[in-house]
Amino acid sequence: ASGPDEESPLDGMALVREKVALLSAMAGDFAGG
């Protein structure tokens, strides 16, 4: 949700799209829990 600032002229979505290869997250339950 972040906007451009002194760190980057890109908003948050564009910054993630440009600079993040993968999000590895411990989250959810995929065994029906």
All heavy atoms as atom14 arrays in JSON, in Angstrom:
{
  "sequence": "ASGPDEESPLDGMALVREKVALLSAMAGDFAGG",
  "atom14_mask": [
    [1, 1, 1, 1, 1, 0, 0, 0, 0, 0, 0, 0, 0, 0],
    [1, 1, 1, 1, 1, 1, 0, 0, 0, 0, 0, 0, 0, 0],
    [1, 1, 1, 1, 0, 0, 0, 0, 0, 0, 0, 0, 0, 0],
    [1, 1, 1, 1, 1, 1, 1, 0, 0, 0, 0, 0, 0, 0],
    [1, 1, 1, 1, 1, 1, 1, 1, 0, 0, 0, 0, 0, 0],
    [1, 1, 1, 1, 1, 1, 1, 1, 1, 0, 0, 0, 0, 0],
    [1, 1, 1, 1, 1, 1, 1, 1, 1, 0, 0, 0, 0, 0],
    [1, 1, 1, 1, 1, 1, 0, 0, 0, 0, 0, 0, 0, 0],
    [1, 1, 1, 1, 1, 1, 1, 0, 0, 0, 0, 0, 0, 0],
    [1, 1, 1, 1, 1, 1, 1, 1, 0, 0, 0, 0, 0, 0],
    [1, 1, 1, 1, 1, 1, 1, 1, 0, 0, 0, 0, 0, 0],
    [1, 1, 1, 1, 0, 0, 0, 0, 0, 0, 0, 0, 0, 0],
    [1, 1, 1, 1, 1, 1, 1, 1, 0, 0, 0, 0, 0, 0],
    [1, 1, 1, 1, 1, 0, 0, 0, 0, 0, 0, 0, 0, 0],
    [1, 1, 1, 1, 1, 1, 1, 1, 0, 0, 0, 0, 0, 0],
    [1, 1, 1, 1, 1, 1, 1, 0, 0, 0, 0, 0, 0, 0],
    [1, 1, 1, 1, 1, 1, 1, 1, 1, 1, 1, 0, 0, 0],
    [1, 1, 1, 1, 1, 1, 1, 1, 1, 0, 0, 0, 0, 0],
    [1, 1, 1, 1, 1, 1, 1, 1, 1, 0, 0, 0, 0, 0],
    [1, 1, 1, 1, 1, 1, 1, 0, 0, 0, 0, 0, 0, 0],
    [1, 1, 1, 1, 1, 0, 0, 0, 0, 0, 0, 0, 0, 0],
    [1, 1, 1, 1, 1, 1, 1, 1, 0, 0, 0, 0, 0, 0],
    [1, 1, 1, 1, 1, 1, 1, 1, 0, 0, 0, 0, 0, 0],
    [1, 1, 1, 1, 1, 1, 0, 0, 0, 0, 0, 0, 0, 0],
    [1, 1, 1, 1, 1, 0, 0, 0, 0, 0, 0, 0, 0, 0],
    [1, 1, 1, 1, 1, 1, 1, 1, 0, 0, 0, 0, 0, 0],
    [1, 1, 1, 1, 1, 0, 0, 0, 0, 0, 0, 0, 0, 0],
    [1, 1, 1, 1, 0, 0, 0, 0, 0, 0, 0, 0, 0, 0],
    [1, 1, 1, 1, 1, 1, 1, 1, 0, 0, 0, 0, 0, 0],
    [1, 1, 1, 1, 1, 1, 1, 1, 1, 1, 1, 0, 0, 0],
    [1, 1, 1, 1, 1, 0, 0, 0, 0, 0, 0, 0, 0, 0],
    [1, 1, 1, 1, 0, 0, 0, 0, 0, 0, 0, 0, 0, 0],
    [1, 1, 1, 1, 0, 0, 0, 0, 0, 0, 0, 0, 0, 0]
  ],
  "atom14_positions": [
    [[0.81, -1.23, 0.0], [0.0, 0.0, 0.0], [0.84, 1.27, 0.0], [0.28, 2.37, -0.13], [-0.92, 0.0, 1.21], [0.0, 0.0, 0.0], [0.0, 0.0, 0.0], [0.0, 0.0, 0.0], [0.0, 0.0, 0.0], [0.0, 0.0, 0.0], [0.0, 0.0, 0.0], [0.0, 0.0, 0.0], [0.0, 0.0, 0.0], [0.0, 0.0, 0.0]],
    [[2.15, 1.14, 0.14], [2.99, 2.33, 0.28], [3.15, 3.07, -1.03], [3.09, 2.49, -2.12], [4.37, 1.94, 0.83], [5.06, 1.12, -0.1], [0.0, 0.0, 0.0], [0.0, 0.0, 0.0], [0.0, 0.0, 0.0], [0.0, 0.0, 0.0], [0.0, 0.0, 0.0], [0.0, 0.0, 0.0], [0.0, 0.0, 0.0], [0.0, 0.0, 0.0]],
    [[3.35, 4.38, -0.92], [3.56, 5.21, -2.09], [5.02, 5.56, -2.29], [5.88, 5.21, -1.47], [0.0, 0.0, 0.0], [0.0, 0.0, 0.0], [0.0, 0.0, 0.0], [0.0, 0.0, 0.0], [0.0, 0.0, 0.0], [0.0, 0.0, 0.0], [0.0, 0.0, 0.0], [0.0, 0.0, 0.0], [0.0, 0.0, 0.0], [0.0, 0.0, 0.0]],
    [[5.34, 6.23, -3.37], [6.71, 6.67, -3.61], [7.22, 7.52, -2.45], [6.46, 8.25, -1.82], [6.6, 7.49, -4.89], [5.36, 7.0, -5.57], [4.43, 6.64, -4.46], [0.0, 0.0, 0.0], [0.0, 0.0, 0.0], [0.0, 0.0, 0.0], [0.0, 0.0, 0.0], [0.0, 0.0, 0.0], [0.0, 0.0, 0.0], [0.0, 0.0, 0.0]],
    [[8.5, 7.41, -2.16], [9.11, 8.2, -1.09], [10.58, 8.4, -1.41], [11.02, 8.14, -2.54], [8.92, 7.52, 0.27], [9.53, 6.13, 0.34], [10.26, 5.73, -0.61], [9.31, 5.42, 1.34], [0.0, 0.0, 0.0], [0.0, 0.0, 0.0], [0.0, 0.0, 0.0], [0.0, 0.0, 0.0], [0.0, 0.0, 0.0], [0.0, 0.0, 0.0]],
    [[11.35, 8.87, -0.41], [12.77, 9.12, -0.65], [13.55, 7.84, -0.92], [14.66, 7.89, -1.45], [13.39, 9.86, 0.54], [13.46, 9.07, 1.84], [12.18, 9.11, 2.65], [11.15, 9.58, 2.12], [12.21, 8.67, 3.82], [0.0, 0.0, 0.0], [0.0, 0.0, 0.0], [0.0, 0.0, 0.0], [0.0, 0.0, 0.0], [0.0, 0.0, 0.0]],
    [[12.98, 6.68, -0.56], [13.66, 5.41, -0.81], [13.54, 4.99, -2.28], [14.47, 4.42, -2.84], [13.09, 4.31, 0.08], [13.0, 4.63, 1.56], [14.36, 4.83, 2.21], [15.37, 4.47, 1.58], [14.41, 5.35, 3.34], [0.0, 0.0, 0.0], [0.0, 0.0, 0.0], [0.0, 0.0, 0.0], [0.0, 0.0, 0.0], [0.0, 0.0, 0.0]],
    [[12.39, 5.25, -2.88], [12.15, 4.81, -4.25], [11.01, 5.62, -4.86], [10.02, 5.92, -4.17], [11.79, 3.32, -4.28], [11.35, 2.93, -5.57], [0.0, 0.0, 0.0], [0.0, 0.0, 0.0], [0.0, 0.0, 0.0], [0.0, 0.0, 0.0], [0.0, 0.0, 0.0], [0.0, 0.0, 0.0], [0.0, 0.0, 0.0], [0.0, 0.0, 0.0]],
    [[11.09, 5.94, -6.16], [9.97, 6.61, -6.83], [8.82, 5.67, -7.16], [7.77, 6.11, -7.63], [10.62, 7.15, -8.11], [11.74, 6.2, -8.39], [12.26, 5.78, -7.05], [0.0, 0.0, 0.0], [0.0, 0.0, 0.0], [0.0, 0.0, 0.0], [0.0, 0.0, 0.0], [0.0, 0.0, 0.0], [0.0, 0.0, 0.0], [0.0, 0.0, 0.0]],
    [[9.0, 4.38, -6.89], [7.97, 3.39, -7.21], [7.01, 3.23, -6.04], [7.41, 3.31, -4.87], [8.61, 2.03, -7.51], [9.6, 1.98, -8.67], [10.2, 0.59, -8.78], [8.93, 2.38, -9.98], [0.0, 0.0, 0.0], [0.0, 0.0, 0.0], [0.0, 0.0, 0.0], [0.0, 0.0, 0.0], [0.0, 0.0, 0.0], [0.0, 0.0, 0.0]],
    [[5.74, 2.95, -6.33], [4.83, 2.57, -5.26], [5.12, 1.14, -4.85], [5.94, 0.44, -5.45], [3.37, 2.78, -5.66], [2.9, 1.87, -6.8], [3.51, 0.8, -7.02], [1.93, 2.23, -7.48], [0.0, 0.0, 0.0], [0.0, 0.0, 0.0], [0.0, 0.0, 0.0], [0.0, 0.0, 0.0], [0.0, 0.0, 0.0], [0.0, 0.0, 0.0]],
    [[4.45, 0.69, -3.78], [4.78, -0.6, -3.22], [4.59, -1.76, -4.17], [5.45, -2.66, -4.24], [0.0, 0.0, 0.0], [0.0, 0.0, 0.0], [0.0, 0.0, 0.0], [0.0, 0.0, 0.0], [0.0, 0.0, 0.0], [0.0, 0.0, 0.0], [0.0, 0.0, 0.0], [0.0, 0.0, 0.0], [0.0, 0.0, 0.0], [0.0, 0.0, 0.0]],
    [[3.49, -1.77, -4.9], [3.25, -2.87, -5.83], [4.33, -2.94, -6.9], [4.85, -4.02, -7.21], [1.87, -2.71, -6.48], [0.69, -2.93, -5.54], [0.46, -4.68, -5.06], [-0.25, -5.35, -6.57], [0.0, 0.0, 0.0], [0.0, 0.0, 0.0], [0.0, 0.0, 0.0], [0.0, 0.0, 0.0], [0.0, 0.0, 0.0], [0.0, 0.0, 0.0]],
    [[4.69, -1.77, -7.45], [5.72, -1.75, -8.49], [7.08, -2.13, -7.93], [7.88, -2.82, -8.59], [5.77, -0.36, -9.13], [0.0, 0.0, 0.0], [0.0, 0.0, 0.0], [0.0, 0.0, 0.0], [0.0, 0.0, 0.0], [0.0, 0.0, 0.0], [0.0, 0.0, 0.0], [0.0, 0.0, 0.0], [0.0, 0.0, 0.0], [0.0, 0.0, 0.0]],
    [[7.37, -1.71, -6.69], [8.65, -2.02, -6.07], [8.79, -3.53, -5.85], [9.84, -4.13, -6.12], [8.79, -1.26, -4.76], [10.12, -1.36, -4.03], [11.26, -0.83, -4.89], [10.05, -0.59, -2.7], [0.0, 0.0, 0.0], [0.0, 0.0, 0.0], [0.0, 0.0, 0.0], [0.0, 0.0, 0.0], [0.0, 0.0, 0.0], [0.0, 0.0, 0.0]],
    [[7.71, -4.16, -5.37], [7.74, -5.61, -5.17], [7.88, -6.32, -6.51], [8.66, -7.27, -6.65], [6.47, -6.07, -4.43], [6.34, -7.59, -4.47], [6.48, -5.57, -2.99], [0.0, 0.0, 0.0], [0.0, 0.0, 0.0], [0.0, 0.0, 0.0], [0.0, 0.0, 0.0], [0.0, 0.0, 0.0], [0.0, 0.0, 0.0], [0.0, 0.0, 0.0]],
    [[7.15, -5.86, -7.49], [7.2, -6.49, -8.81], [8.63, -6.43, -9.38], [9.1, -7.37, -10.02], [6.22, -5.8, -9.75], [5.96, -6.53, -11.06], [4.9, -5.83, -11.88], [3.59, -5.88, -11.25], [2.94, -4.84, -10.75], [3.49, -3.62, -10.81], [1.75, -4.97, -10.2], [0.0, 0.0, 0.0], [0.0, 0.0, 0.0], [0.0, 0.0, 0.0]],
    [[9.32, -5.32, -9.14], [10.65, -5.14, -9.7], [11.74, -5.81, -8.89], [12.73, -6.3, -9.44], [10.96, -3.63, -9.81], [12.33, -3.33, -10.4], [12.56, -1.85, -10.59], [11.94, -1.28, -11.52], [13.34, -1.25, -9.82], [0.0, 0.0, 0.0], [0.0, 0.0, 0.0], [0.0, 0.0, 0.0], [0.0, 0.0, 0.0], [0.0, 0.0, 0.0]],
    [[11.57, -5.88, -7.56], [12.7, -6.27, -6.7], [12.53, -7.57, -5.93], [13.47, -8.0, -5.26], [12.98, -5.13, -5.7], [13.55, -3.87, -6.33], [14.91, -4.15, -6.96], [15.59, -2.9, -7.48], [16.21, -2.09, -6.44], [0.0, 0.0, 0.0], [0.0, 0.0, 0.0], [0.0, 0.0, 0.0], [0.0, 0.0, 0.0], [0.0, 0.0, 0.0]],
    [[11.37, -8.22, -5.97], [11.16, -9.44, -5.2], [11.04, -10.64, -6.14], [10.19, -10.66, -7.03], [9.91, -9.34, -4.3], [9.69, -10.65, -3.55], [10.08, -8.2, -3.29], [0.0, 0.0, 0.0], [0.0, 0.0, 0.0], [0.0, 0.0, 0.0], [0.0, 0.0, 0.0], [0.0, 0.0, 0.0], [0.0, 0.0, 0.0], [0.0, 0.0, 0.0]],
    [[11.9, -11.63, -5.92], [11.86, -12.84, -6.72], [10.83, -13.83, -6.2], [10.18, -14.54, -6.98], [13.24, -13.5, -6.74], [0.0, 0.0, 0.0], [0.0, 0.0, 0.0], [0.0, 0.0, 0.0], [0.0, 0.0, 0.0], [0.0, 0.0, 0.0], [0.0, 0.0, 0.0], [0.0, 0.0, 0.0], [0.0, 0.0, 0.0], [0.0, 0.0, 0.0]],
    [[10.7, -13.91, -4.86], [9.84, -14.93, -4.25], [9.46, -14.49, -2.85], [10.27, -13.9, -2.13], [10.58, -16.27, -4.17], [9.87, -17.41, -3.44], [8.72, -17.95, -4.29], [10.85, -18.53, -3.09], [0.0, 0.0, 0.0], [0.0, 0.0, 0.0], [0.0, 0.0, 0.0], [0.0, 0.0, 0.0], [0.0, 0.0, 0.0], [0.0, 0.0, 0.0]],
    [[8.24, -14.79, -2.47], [7.81, -14.71, -1.08], [7.63, -16.14, -0.58], [6.81, -16.9, -1.1], [6.5, -13.94, -0.96], [5.84, -13.94, 0.43], [6.74, -13.33, 1.49], [4.48, -13.22, 0.38], [0.0, 0.0, 0.0], [0.0, 0.0, 0.0], [0.0, 0.0, 0.0], [0.0, 0.0, 0.0], [0.0, 0.0, 0.0], [0.0, 0.0, 0.0]],
    [[8.43, -16.52, 0.43], [8.31, -17.83, 1.07], [7.68, -17.59, 2.43], [8.31, -17.02, 3.33], [9.68, -18.49, 1.23], [9.58, -19.74, 1.88], [0.0, 0.0, 0.0], [0.0, 0.0, 0.0], [0.0, 0.0, 0.0], [0.0, 0.0, 0.0], [0.0, 0.0, 0.0], [0.0, 0.0, 0.0], [0.0, 0.0, 0.0], [0.0, 0.0, 0.0]],
    [[6.42, -17.99, 2.6], [5.64, -17.61, 3.78], [5.16, -18.83, 4.54], [4.71, -19.81, 3.95], [4.45, -16.75, 3.38], [0.0, 0.0, 0.0], [0.0, 0.0, 0.0], [0.0, 0.0, 0.0], [0.0, 0.0, 0.0], [0.0, 0.0, 0.0], [0.0, 0.0, 0.0], [0.0, 0.0, 0.0], [0.0, 0.0, 0.0], [0.0, 0.0, 0.0]],
    [[5.27, -18.77, 5.88], [4.6, -19.75, 6.72], [3.22, -19.2, 7.0], [3.04, -18.29, 7.81], [5.4, -19.93, 8.02], [4.94, -21.15, 8.86], [3.51, -20.82, 9.88], [2.34, -21.99, 9.16], [0.0, 0.0, 0.0], [0.0, 0.0, 0.0], [0.0, 0.0, 0.0], [0.0, 0.0, 0.0], [0.0, 0.0, 0.0], [0.0, 0.0, 0.0]],
    [[2.24, -19.73, 6.31], [0.87, -19.22, 6.44], [-0.09, -20.23, 5.85], [0.22, -20.92, 4.87], [0.72, -17.87, 5.73], [0.0, 0.0, 0.0], [0.0, 0.0, 0.0], [0.0, 0.0, 0.0], [0.0, 0.0, 0.0], [0.0, 0.0, 0.0], [0.0, 0.0, 0.0], [0.0, 0.0, 0.0], [0.0, 0.0, 0.0], [0.0, 0.0, 0.0]],
    [[-1.26, -20.31, 6.45], [-2.33, -21.14, 5.9], [-2.3, -22.57, 6.43], [-1.43, -22.97, 7.2], [0.0, 0.0, 0.0], [0.0, 0.0, 0.0], [0.0, 0.0, 0.0], [0.0, 0.0, 0.0], [0.0, 0.0, 0.0], [0.0, 0.0, 0.0], [0.0, 0.0, 0.0], [0.0, 0.0, 0.0], [0.0, 0.0, 0.0], [0.0, 0.0, 0.0]],
    [[-3.31, -23.3, 5.99], [-3.45, -24.71, 6.33], [-4.08, -25.37, 5.11], [-5.21, -25.04, 4.74], [-4.32, -24.89, 7.57], [-4.4, -26.34, 8.05], [-4.21, -27.24, 7.22], [-4.65, -26.56, 9.25], [0.0, 0.0, 0.0], [0.0, 0.0, 0.0], [0.0, 0.0, 0.0], [0.0, 0.0, 0.0], [0.0, 0.0, 0.0], [0.0, 0.0, 0.0]],
    [[-3.32, -26.28, 4.48], [-3.78, -26.88, 3.24], [-4.15, -28.35, 3.41], [-4.2, -29.11, 2.45], [-2.73, -26.67, 2.15], [-2.46, -25.22, 1.91], [-1.39, -24.58, 2.53], [-3.31, -24.46, 1.13], [-1.16, -23.23, 2.35], [-3.1, -23.11, 0.94], [-2.02, -22.49, 1.55], [0.0, 0.0, 0.0], [0.0, 0.0, 0.0], [0.0, 0.0, 0.0]],
    [[-4.42, -28.71, 4.68], [-4.88, -30.06, 4.98], [-6.29, -30.02, 5.56], [-6.7, -30.92, 6.29], [-3.92, -30.73, 5.96], [0.0, 0.0, 0.0], [0.0, 0.0, 0.0], [0.0, 0.0, 0.0], [0.0, 0.0, 0.0], [0.0, 0.0, 0.0], [0.0, 0.0, 0.0], [0.0, 0.0, 0.0], [0.0, 0.0, 0.0], [0.0, 0.0, 0.0]],
    [[-7.03, -28.96, 5.25], [-8.42, -28.88, 5.65], [-8.64, -28.46, 7.08], [-9.73, -28.68, 7.64], [0.0, 0.0, 0.0], [0.0, 0.0, 0.0], [0.0, 0.0, 0.0], [0.0, 0.0, 0.0], [0.0, 0.0, 0.0], [0.0, 0.0, 0.0], [0.0, 0.0, 0.0], [0.0, 0.0, 0.0], [0.0, 0.0, 0.0], [0.0, 0.0, 0.0]],
    [[-7.66, -27.84, 7.69], [-7.77, -27.46, 9.09], [-8.45, -26.13, 9.31], [-8.99, -25.5, 8.38], [0.0, 0.0, 0.0], [0.0, 0.0, 0.0], [0.0, 0.0, 0.0], [0.0, 0.0, 0.0], [0.0, 0.0, 0.0], [0.0, 0.0, 0.0], [0.0, 0.0, 0.0], [0.0, 0.0, 0.0], [0.0, 0.0, 0.0], [0.0, 0.0, 0.0]]
  ]
}
